Amino acid sequence: MSETPIRVLIVDDHPMVAEGIQSILESYDDIAVVGTLNTGQEAVDQALALQPDVILMDLNMPGVGGLSATEILLERAPTMRILILSMHDSSEYISSALSHGAMGYILKDVPTDEIKQAIDAVMRGERYLCTGASGSLQPKNGETREALTGREQTILLQLAQGKSNKEVAIALDISVRTVETHRKNIKRKLGISSTAGLTRYALEHGVLQGTGGRF
């Protein structure tokens, strides 16, 4: 074969899911699965050495979750293509994944050939949302929610862990005023007025990985 196969890394804490996807992808001549990892931390530690073209990333995993791993990896390798693979079709999850830099979002129950379509699409530099995921992003009742930026997601995580504005400022090496501005924007975008509400949102939407629900 003249063309170099697309190198794919699978990151999922459910071995049967990972093995199933690997089996599907290895049936294509133009795809080479370079590894299957169980956690976001393993992805952070090993992805650069494995040199994948595309990472299929589970969303909720123990410890470092898919969103955090995506953000860290893209800081180190901005051209890396990450596809979130999840059972969750919530618009908040999907928006969060895209705001963290993921190039696509596919549900685990999609037909097998759609996973291949998604990989091909992101290799062309296109964003890919499966039918169920793109439908979830459609505005409801004429309303639309502005997605949080990657920086706002990071600050939300810090705030949800109980840190003060000053502590967040020190941790991220930014001014307290900047933290306050981000905090106001986060509350406005999410329609949440209290810190307790932010913490609850973070738990319910997978921002606090390892403490919320898993699938």
C-alpha atoms as a PDB file:
ATOM      1  CA  MET A   1       0.000   0.000   0.000  1.00  0.00           C
ATOM      2  CA  SER A   2       1.456   3.296  -1.058  1.00  0.00           C
ATOM      3  CA  GLU A   3      -0.273   5.579   1.428  1.00  0.00           C
ATOM      4  CA  THR A   4       0.726   5.654   5.077  1.00  0.00           C
ATOM      5  CA  PRO A   5      -2.073   4.318   7.323  1.00  0.00           C
ATOM      6  CA  ILE A   6      -3.863   6.707   9.686  1.00  0.00           C
ATOM      7  CA  ARG A   7      -2.448   6.109  13.164  1.00  0.00           C
ATOM      8  CA  VAL A   8      -5.256   5.864  15.732  1.00  0.00           C
ATOM      9  CA  LEU A   9      -5.008   5.729  19.526  1.00  0.00           C
ATOM     10  CA  ILE A  10      -8.017   4.522  21.549  1.00  0.00           C
ATOM     11  CA  VAL A  11      -8.492   5.797  25.117  1.00  0.00           C
ATOM     12  CA  ASP A  12     -11.362   4.192  27.036  1.00  0.00           C
ATOM     13  CA  ASP A  13     -11.594   2.745  30.545  1.00  0.00           C
ATOM     14  CA  HIS A  14     -13.929  -0.041  29.396  1.00  0.00           C
ATOM     15  CA  PRO A  15     -11.708  -2.800  27.893  1.00  0.00           C
ATOM     16  CA  MET A  16     -14.529  -4.421  25.951  1.00  0.00           C
ATOM     17  CA  VAL A  17     -15.397  -1.097  24.304  1.00  0.00           C
ATOM     18  CA  ALA A  18     -11.773  -0.393  23.427  1.00  0.00           C
ATOM     19  CA  GLU A  19     -11.246  -3.903  22.058  1.00  0.00           C
ATOM     20  CA  GLY A  20     -14.432  -3.702  20.029  1.00  0.00           C
ATOM     21  CA  ILE A  21     -13.422  -0.397  18.433  1.00  0.00           C
ATOM     22  CA  GLN A  22      -9.914  -1.723  17.788  1.00  0.00           C
ATOM     23  CA  SER A  23     -11.332  -4.768  16.023  1.00  0.00           C
ATOM     24  CA  ILE A  24     -13.561  -2.564  13.868  1.00  0.00           C
ATOM     25  CA  LEU A  25     -10.774  -0.173  12.890  1.00  0.00           C
ATOM     26  CA  GLU A  26      -8.248  -2.909  12.159  1.00  0.00           C
ATOM     27  CA  SER A  27     -10.583  -4.186   9.444  1.00  0.00           C
ATOM     28  CA  TYR A  28      -9.674  -1.081   7.395  1.00  0.00           C
ATOM     29  CA  ASP A  29      -6.454  -1.256   5.394  1.00  0.00           C
ATOM     30  CA  ASP A  30      -5.767   2.466   5.782  1.00  0.00           C
ATOM     31  CA  ILE A  31      -5.933   2.523   9.607  1.00  0.00           C
ATOM     32  CA  ALA A  32      -3.326   1.342  12.096  1.00  0.00           C
ATOM     33  CA  VAL A  33      -4.298   1.214  15.798  1.00  0.00           C
ATOM     34  CA  VAL A  34      -1.121   2.241  17.663  1.00  0.00           C
ATOM     35  CA  GLY A  35      -2.479   1.456  21.121  1.00  0.00           C
ATOM     36  CA  THR A  36      -5.380   1.247  23.557  1.00  0.00           C
ATOM     37  CA  LEU A  37      -5.123   3.086  26.871  1.00  0.00           C
ATOM     38  CA  ASN A  38      -7.419   2.966  29.904  1.00  0.00           C
ATOM     39  CA  THR A  39      -7.216   6.463  31.406  1.00  0.00           C
ATOM     40  CA  GLY A  40      -6.752  10.089  30.537  1.00  0.00           C
ATOM     41  CA  GLN A  41      -3.514  10.093  32.527  1.00  0.00           C
ATOM     42  CA  GLU A  42      -2.119   7.292  30.377  1.00  0.00           C
ATOM     43  CA  ALA A  43      -3.060   9.317  27.302  1.00  0.00           C
ATOM     44  CA  VAL A  44      -1.249  12.369  28.663  1.00  0.00           C
ATOM     45  CA  ASP A  45       1.818  10.266  29.509  1.00  0.00           C
ATOM     46  CA  GLN A  46       2.036   8.167  26.349  1.00  0.00           C
ATOM     47  CA  ALA A  47       0.226   9.833  23.454  1.00  0.00           C
ATOM     48  CA  LEU A  48       3.134  11.929  22.223  1.00  0.00           C
ATOM     49  CA  ALA A  49       5.442   8.899  22.130  1.00  0.00           C
ATOM     50  CA  LEU A  50       2.854   6.821  20.245  1.00  0.00           C
ATOM     51  CA  GLN A  51       2.433   9.639  17.676  1.00  0.00           C
ATOM     52  CA  PRO A  52      -1.195   9.029  16.701  1.00  0.00           C
ATOM     53  CA  ASP A  53      -2.829  11.039  13.944  1.00  0.00           C
ATOM     54  CA  VAL A  54      -6.211  10.723  15.674  1.00  0.00           C
ATOM     55  CA  ILE A  55      -7.144   9.954  19.285  1.00  0.00           C
ATOM     56  CA  LEU A  56     -10.542   8.427  20.087  1.00  0.00           C
ATOM     57  CA  MET A  57     -11.067   9.736  23.621  1.00  0.00           C
ATOM     58  CA  ASP A  58     -13.670   8.535  26.106  1.00  0.00           C
ATOM     59  CA  LEU A  59     -15.205  11.412  28.045  1.00  0.00           C
ATOM     60  CA  ASN A  60     -15.573  10.266  31.654  1.00  0.00           C
ATOM     61  CA  MET A  61     -12.739   8.196  33.053  1.00  0.00           C
ATOM     62  CA  PRO A  62     -11.361   7.874  36.590  1.00  0.00           C
ATOM     63  CA  GLY A  63      -8.695  10.410  37.521  1.00  0.00           C
ATOM     64  CA  VAL A  64      -7.861  12.600  34.534  1.00  0.00           C
ATOM     65  CA  GLY A  65     -10.952  12.616  32.335  1.00  0.00           C
ATOM     66  CA  GLY A  66     -11.321  13.076  28.622  1.00  0.00           C
ATOM     67  CA  LEU A  67     -11.820  16.846  28.685  1.00  0.00           C
ATOM     68  CA  SER A  68      -8.755  17.479  30.842  1.00  0.00           C
ATOM     69  CA  ALA A  69      -6.628  15.068  28.811  1.00  0.00           C
ATOM     70  CA  THR A  70      -7.754  16.737  25.587  1.00  0.00           C
ATOM     71  CA  GLU A  71      -6.808  20.189  26.850  1.00  0.00           C
ATOM     72  CA  ILE A  72      -3.396  19.037  28.121  1.00  0.00           C
ATOM     73  CA  LEU A  73      -2.539  17.143  24.942  1.00  0.00           C
ATOM     74  CA  LEU A  74      -3.548  20.018  22.671  1.00  0.00           C
ATOM     75  CA  GLU A  75      -1.377  22.404  24.693  1.00  0.00           C
ATOM     76  CA  ARG A  76       1.573  20.091  23.965  1.00  0.00           C
ATOM     77  CA  ALA A  77       0.631  19.182  20.393  1.00  0.00           C
ATOM     78  CA  PRO A  78      -1.832  21.704  18.917  1.00  0.00           C
ATOM     79  CA  THR A  79      -2.162  19.822  15.611  1.00  0.00           C
ATOM     80  CA  MET A  80      -3.320  16.598  17.273  1.00  0.00           C
ATOM     81  CA  ARG A  81      -6.812  15.503  16.217  1.00  0.00           C
ATOM     82  CA  ILE A  82      -9.025  14.334  19.073  1.00  0.00           C
ATOM     83  CA  LEU A  83     -12.437  12.717  18.640  1.00  0.00           C
ATOM     84  CA  ILE A  84     -14.567  12.363  21.758  1.00  0.00           C
ATOM     85  CA  LEU A  85     -16.296   8.980  21.897  1.00  0.00           C
ATOM     86  CA  SER A  86     -19.103   8.912  24.461  1.00  0.00           C
ATOM     87  CA  MET A  87     -22.485   7.479  25.414  1.00  0.00           C
ATOM     88  CA  HIS A  88     -23.674  10.945  26.492  1.00  0.00           C
ATOM     89  CA  ASP A  89     -25.621  13.077  24.007  1.00  0.00           C
ATOM     90  CA  SER A  90     -26.094  16.097  26.309  1.00  0.00           C
ATOM     91  CA  SER A  91     -25.507  19.402  24.527  1.00  0.00           C
ATOM     92  CA  GLU A  92     -23.468  20.631  27.503  1.00  0.00           C
ATOM     93  CA  TYR A  93     -21.030  17.718  27.186  1.00  0.00           C
ATOM     94  CA  ILE A  94     -20.727  18.207  23.443  1.00  0.00           C
ATOM     95  CA  SER A  95     -20.203  21.971  23.696  1.00  0.00           C
ATOM     96  CA  SER A  96     -17.617  21.452  26.441  1.00  0.00           C
ATOM     97  CA  ALA A  97     -15.728  18.918  24.331  1.00  0.00           C
ATOM     98  CA  LEU A  98     -15.614  21.246  21.345  1.00  0.00           C
ATOM     99  CA  SER A  99     -14.585  24.229  23.475  1.00  0.00           C
ATOM    100  CA  HIS A 100     -11.693  22.142  24.833  1.00  0.00           C
ATOM    101  CA  GLY A 101     -10.432  21.664  21.295  1.00  0.00           C
ATOM    102  CA  ALA A 102     -11.879  18.296  20.272  1.00  0.00           C
ATOM    103  CA  MET A 103     -12.470  18.118  16.513  1.00  0.00           C
ATOM    104  CA  GLY A 104     -15.461  15.877  16.793  1.00  0.00           C
ATOM    105  CA  TYR A 105     -17.947  14.039  18.973  1.00  0.00           C
ATOM    106  CA  ILE A 106     -19.435  10.640  18.239  1.00  0.00           C
ATOM    107  CA  LEU A 107     -21.731   8.464  20.289  1.00  0.00           C
ATOM    108  CA  LYS A 108     -20.684   4.911  21.114  1.00  0.00           C
ATOM    109  CA  ASP A 109     -23.833   3.456  19.570  1.00  0.00           C
ATOM    110  CA  VAL A 110     -23.188   4.839  16.075  1.00  0.00           C
ATOM    111  CA  PRO A 111     -22.864   2.391  13.169  1.00  0.00           C
ATOM    112  CA  THR A 112     -19.321   1.070  12.861  1.00  0.00           C
ATOM    113  CA  ASP A 113     -18.674   2.763   9.541  1.00  0.00           C
ATOM    114  CA  GLU A 114     -19.478   6.156  11.063  1.00  0.00           C
ATOM    115  CA  ILE A 115     -16.420   5.920  13.313  1.00  0.00           C
ATOM    116  CA  LYS A 116     -14.345   5.560  10.154  1.00  0.00           C
ATOM    117  CA  GLN A 117     -16.175   8.504   8.554  1.00  0.00           C
ATOM    118  CA  ALA A 118     -15.385  10.629  11.610  1.00  0.00           C
ATOM    119  CA  ILE A 119     -11.690   9.718  11.476  1.00  0.00           C
ATOM    120  CA  ASP A 120     -11.509  10.527   7.769  1.00  0.00           C
ATOM    121  CA  ALA A 121     -13.273  13.856   8.344  1.00  0.00           C
ATOM    122  CA  VAL A 122     -10.933  15.093  11.072  1.00  0.00           C
ATOM    123  CA  MET A 123      -7.934  13.961   9.014  1.00  0.00           C
ATOM    124  CA  ARG A 124      -9.211  16.361   6.343  1.00  0.00           C
ATOM    125  CA  GLY A 125      -9.283  19.086   8.976  1.00  0.00           C
ATOM    126  CA  GLU A 126     -13.080  19.056   9.277  1.00  0.00           C
ATOM    127  CA  ARG A 127     -15.160  19.001  12.462  1.00  0.00           C
ATOM    128  CA  TYR A 128     -17.356  15.935  12.786  1.00  0.00           C
ATOM    129  CA  LEU A 129     -20.495  15.497  14.875  1.00  0.00           C
ATOM    130  CA  CYS A 130     -22.516  12.317  14.572  1.00  0.00           C
ATOM    131  CA  THR A 131     -26.240  12.688  13.909  1.00  0.00           C
ATOM    132  CA  GLY A 132     -27.265  12.285  17.552  1.00  0.00           C
ATOM    133  CA  ALA A 133     -24.630  14.733  18.746  1.00  0.00           C
ATOM    134  CA  SER A 134     -25.357  17.433  16.168  1.00  0.00           C
ATOM    135  CA  GLY A 135     -29.065  17.156  16.957  1.00  0.00           C
ATOM    136  CA  SER A 136     -28.366  17.802  20.627  1.00  0.00           C
ATOM    137  CA  LEU A 137     -26.679  21.092  19.752  1.00  0.00           C
ATOM    138  CA  GLN A 138     -29.742  22.487  18.032  1.00  0.00           C
ATOM    139  CA  PRO A 139     -31.244  25.388  20.049  1.00  0.00           C
ATOM    140  CA  LYS A 140     -34.377  24.469  22.002  1.00  0.00           C
ATOM    141  CA  ASN A 141     -37.364  26.825  22.216  1.00  0.00           C
ATOM    142  CA  GLY A 142     -35.466  29.432  20.231  1.00  0.00           C
ATOM    143  CA  GLU A 143     -32.755  29.657  22.886  1.00  0.00           C
ATOM    144  CA  THR A 144     -29.050  29.107  22.479  1.00  0.00           C
ATOM    145  CA  ARG A 145     -26.404  28.746  25.170  1.00  0.00           C
ATOM    146  CA  GLU A 146     -22.979  30.214  24.582  1.00  0.00           C
ATOM    147  CA  ALA A 147     -20.303  27.565  25.150  1.00  0.00           C
ATOM    148  CA  LEU A 148     -17.597  28.085  27.752  1.00  0.00           C
ATOM    149  CA  THR A 149     -14.102  28.692  26.416  1.00  0.00           C
ATOM    150  CA  GLY A 150     -11.238  26.399  27.376  1.00  0.00           C
ATOM    151  CA  ARG A 151      -9.978  28.989  29.869  1.00  0.00           C
ATOM    152  CA  GLU A 152     -13.447  29.346  31.405  1.00  0.00           C
ATOM    153  CA  GLN A 153     -13.669  25.562  31.751  1.00  0.00           C
ATOM    154  CA  THR A 154     -10.322  25.575  33.561  1.00  0.00           C
ATOM    155  CA  ILE A 155     -11.458  28.325  35.934  1.00  0.00           C
ATOM    156  CA  LEU A 156     -14.796  26.574  36.494  1.00  0.00           C
ATOM    157  CA  LEU A 157     -12.884  23.460  37.568  1.00  0.00           C
ATOM    158  CA  GLN A 158     -10.790  25.495  40.005  1.00  0.00           C
ATOM    159  CA  LEU A 159     -13.840  27.243  41.464  1.00  0.00           C
ATOM    160  CA  ALA A 160     -15.767  23.981  41.737  1.00  0.00           C
ATOM    161  CA  GLN A 161     -12.903  22.586  43.814  1.00  0.00           C
ATOM    162  CA  GLY A 162     -13.628  25.306  46.363  1.00  0.00           C
ATOM    163  CA  LYS A 163     -10.790  27.679  45.515  1.00  0.00           C
ATOM    164  CA  SER A 164     -11.156  31.405  46.055  1.00  0.00           C
ATOM    165  CA  ASN A 165     -10.642  33.954  43.281  1.00  0.00           C
ATOM    166  CA  LYS A 166      -7.207  34.728  44.747  1.00  0.00           C
ATOM    167  CA  GLU A 167      -6.219  31.051  44.855  1.00  0.00           C
ATOM    168  CA  VAL A 168      -7.342  30.575  41.260  1.00  0.00           C
ATOM    169  CA  ALA A 169      -5.375  33.649  40.207  1.00  0.00           C
ATOM    170  CA  ILE A 170      -2.213  32.283  41.833  1.00  0.00           C
ATOM    171  CA  ALA A 171      -2.703  28.803  40.364  1.00  0.00           C
ATOM    172  CA  LEU A 172      -3.195  30.101  36.811  1.00  0.00           C
ATOM    173  CA  ASP A 173      -0.788  33.060  37.113  1.00  0.00           C
ATOM    174  CA  ILE A 174      -3.420  35.638  36.221  1.00  0.00           C
ATOM    175  CA  SER A 175      -4.849  38.627  38.103  1.00  0.00           C
ATOM    176  CA  VAL A 176      -7.714  38.399  40.560  1.00  0.00           C
ATOM    177  CA  ARG A 177      -9.611  40.880  38.397  1.00  0.00           C
ATOM    178  CA  THR A 178      -9.266  38.537  35.410  1.00  0.00           C
ATOM    179  CA  VAL A 179     -10.612  35.649  37.485  1.00  0.00           C
ATOM    180  CA  GLU A 180     -13.558  37.773  38.586  1.00  0.00           C
ATOM    181  CA  THR A 181     -14.325  38.673  34.970  1.00  0.00           C
ATOM    182  CA  HIS A 182     -14.200  35.035  33.888  1.00  0.00           C
ATOM    183  CA  ARG A 183     -16.353  34.052  36.859  1.00  0.00           C
ATOM    184  CA  LYS A 184     -19.040  36.557  35.866  1.00  0.00           C
ATOM    185  CA  ASN A 185     -18.955  35.341  32.268  1.00  0.00           C
ATOM    186  CA  ILE A 186     -19.243  31.704  33.361  1.00  0.00           C
ATOM    187  CA  LYS A 187     -22.263  32.474  35.553  1.00  0.00           C
ATOM    188  CA  ARG A 188     -23.874  34.488  32.764  1.00  0.00           C
ATOM    189  CA  LYS A 189     -23.361  31.787  30.135  1.00  0.00           C
ATOM    190  CA  LEU A 190     -24.611  28.989  32.389  1.00  0.00           C
ATOM    191  CA  GLY A 191     -27.402  30.976  33.999  1.00  0.00           C
ATOM    192  CA  ILE A 192     -26.024  30.143  37.447  1.00  0.00           C
ATOM    193  CA  SER A 193     -25.818  32.698  40.253  1.00  0.00           C
ATOM    194  CA  SER A 194     -24.046  30.846  43.087  1.00  0.00           C
ATOM    195  CA  THR A 195     -20.740  29.052  43.625  1.00  0.00           C
ATOM    196  CA  ALA A 196     -22.701  26.016  44.850  1.00  0.00           C
ATOM    197  CA  GLY A 197     -24.529  26.033  41.544  1.00  0.00           C
ATOM    198  CA  LEU A 198     -21.228  26.093  39.661  1.00  0.00           C
ATOM    199  CA  THR A 199     -20.001  23.119  41.675  1.00  0.00           C
ATOM    200  CA  ARG A 200     -23.194  21.197  40.982  1.00  0.00           C
ATOM    201  CA  TYR A 201     -22.930  21.993  37.262  1.00  0.00           C
ATOM    202  CA  ALA A 202     -19.308  20.810  37.245  1.00  0.00           C
ATOM    203  CA  LEU A 203     -20.280  17.528  38.891  1.00  0.00           C
ATOM    204  CA  GLU A 204     -23.254  16.903  36.634  1.00  0.00           C
ATOM    205  CA  HIS A 205     -21.441  17.717  33.399  1.00  0.00           C
ATOM    206  CA  GLY A 206     -18.186  15.861  33.862  1.00  0.00           C
ATOM    207  CA  VAL A 207     -15.945  18.857  34.606  1.00  0.00           C
ATOM    208  CA  LEU A 208     -14.947  17.329  37.945  1.00  0.00           C
ATOM    209  CA  GLN A 209     -13.736  14.067  36.431  1.00  0.00           C
ATOM    210  CA  GLY A 210     -13.838  11.011  38.628  1.00  0.00           C
ATOM    211  CA  THR A 211     -16.405  12.513  41.027  1.00  0.00           C
ATOM    212  CA  GLY A 212     -19.453  12.664  38.810  1.00  0.00           C
ATOM    213  CA  GLY A 213     -21.307   9.910  36.999  1.00  0.00           C
ATOM    214  CA  ARG A 214     -19.407   7.541  34.760  1.00  0.00           C
ATOM    215  CA  PHE A 215     -20.492   5.635  31.695  1.00  0.00           C
END
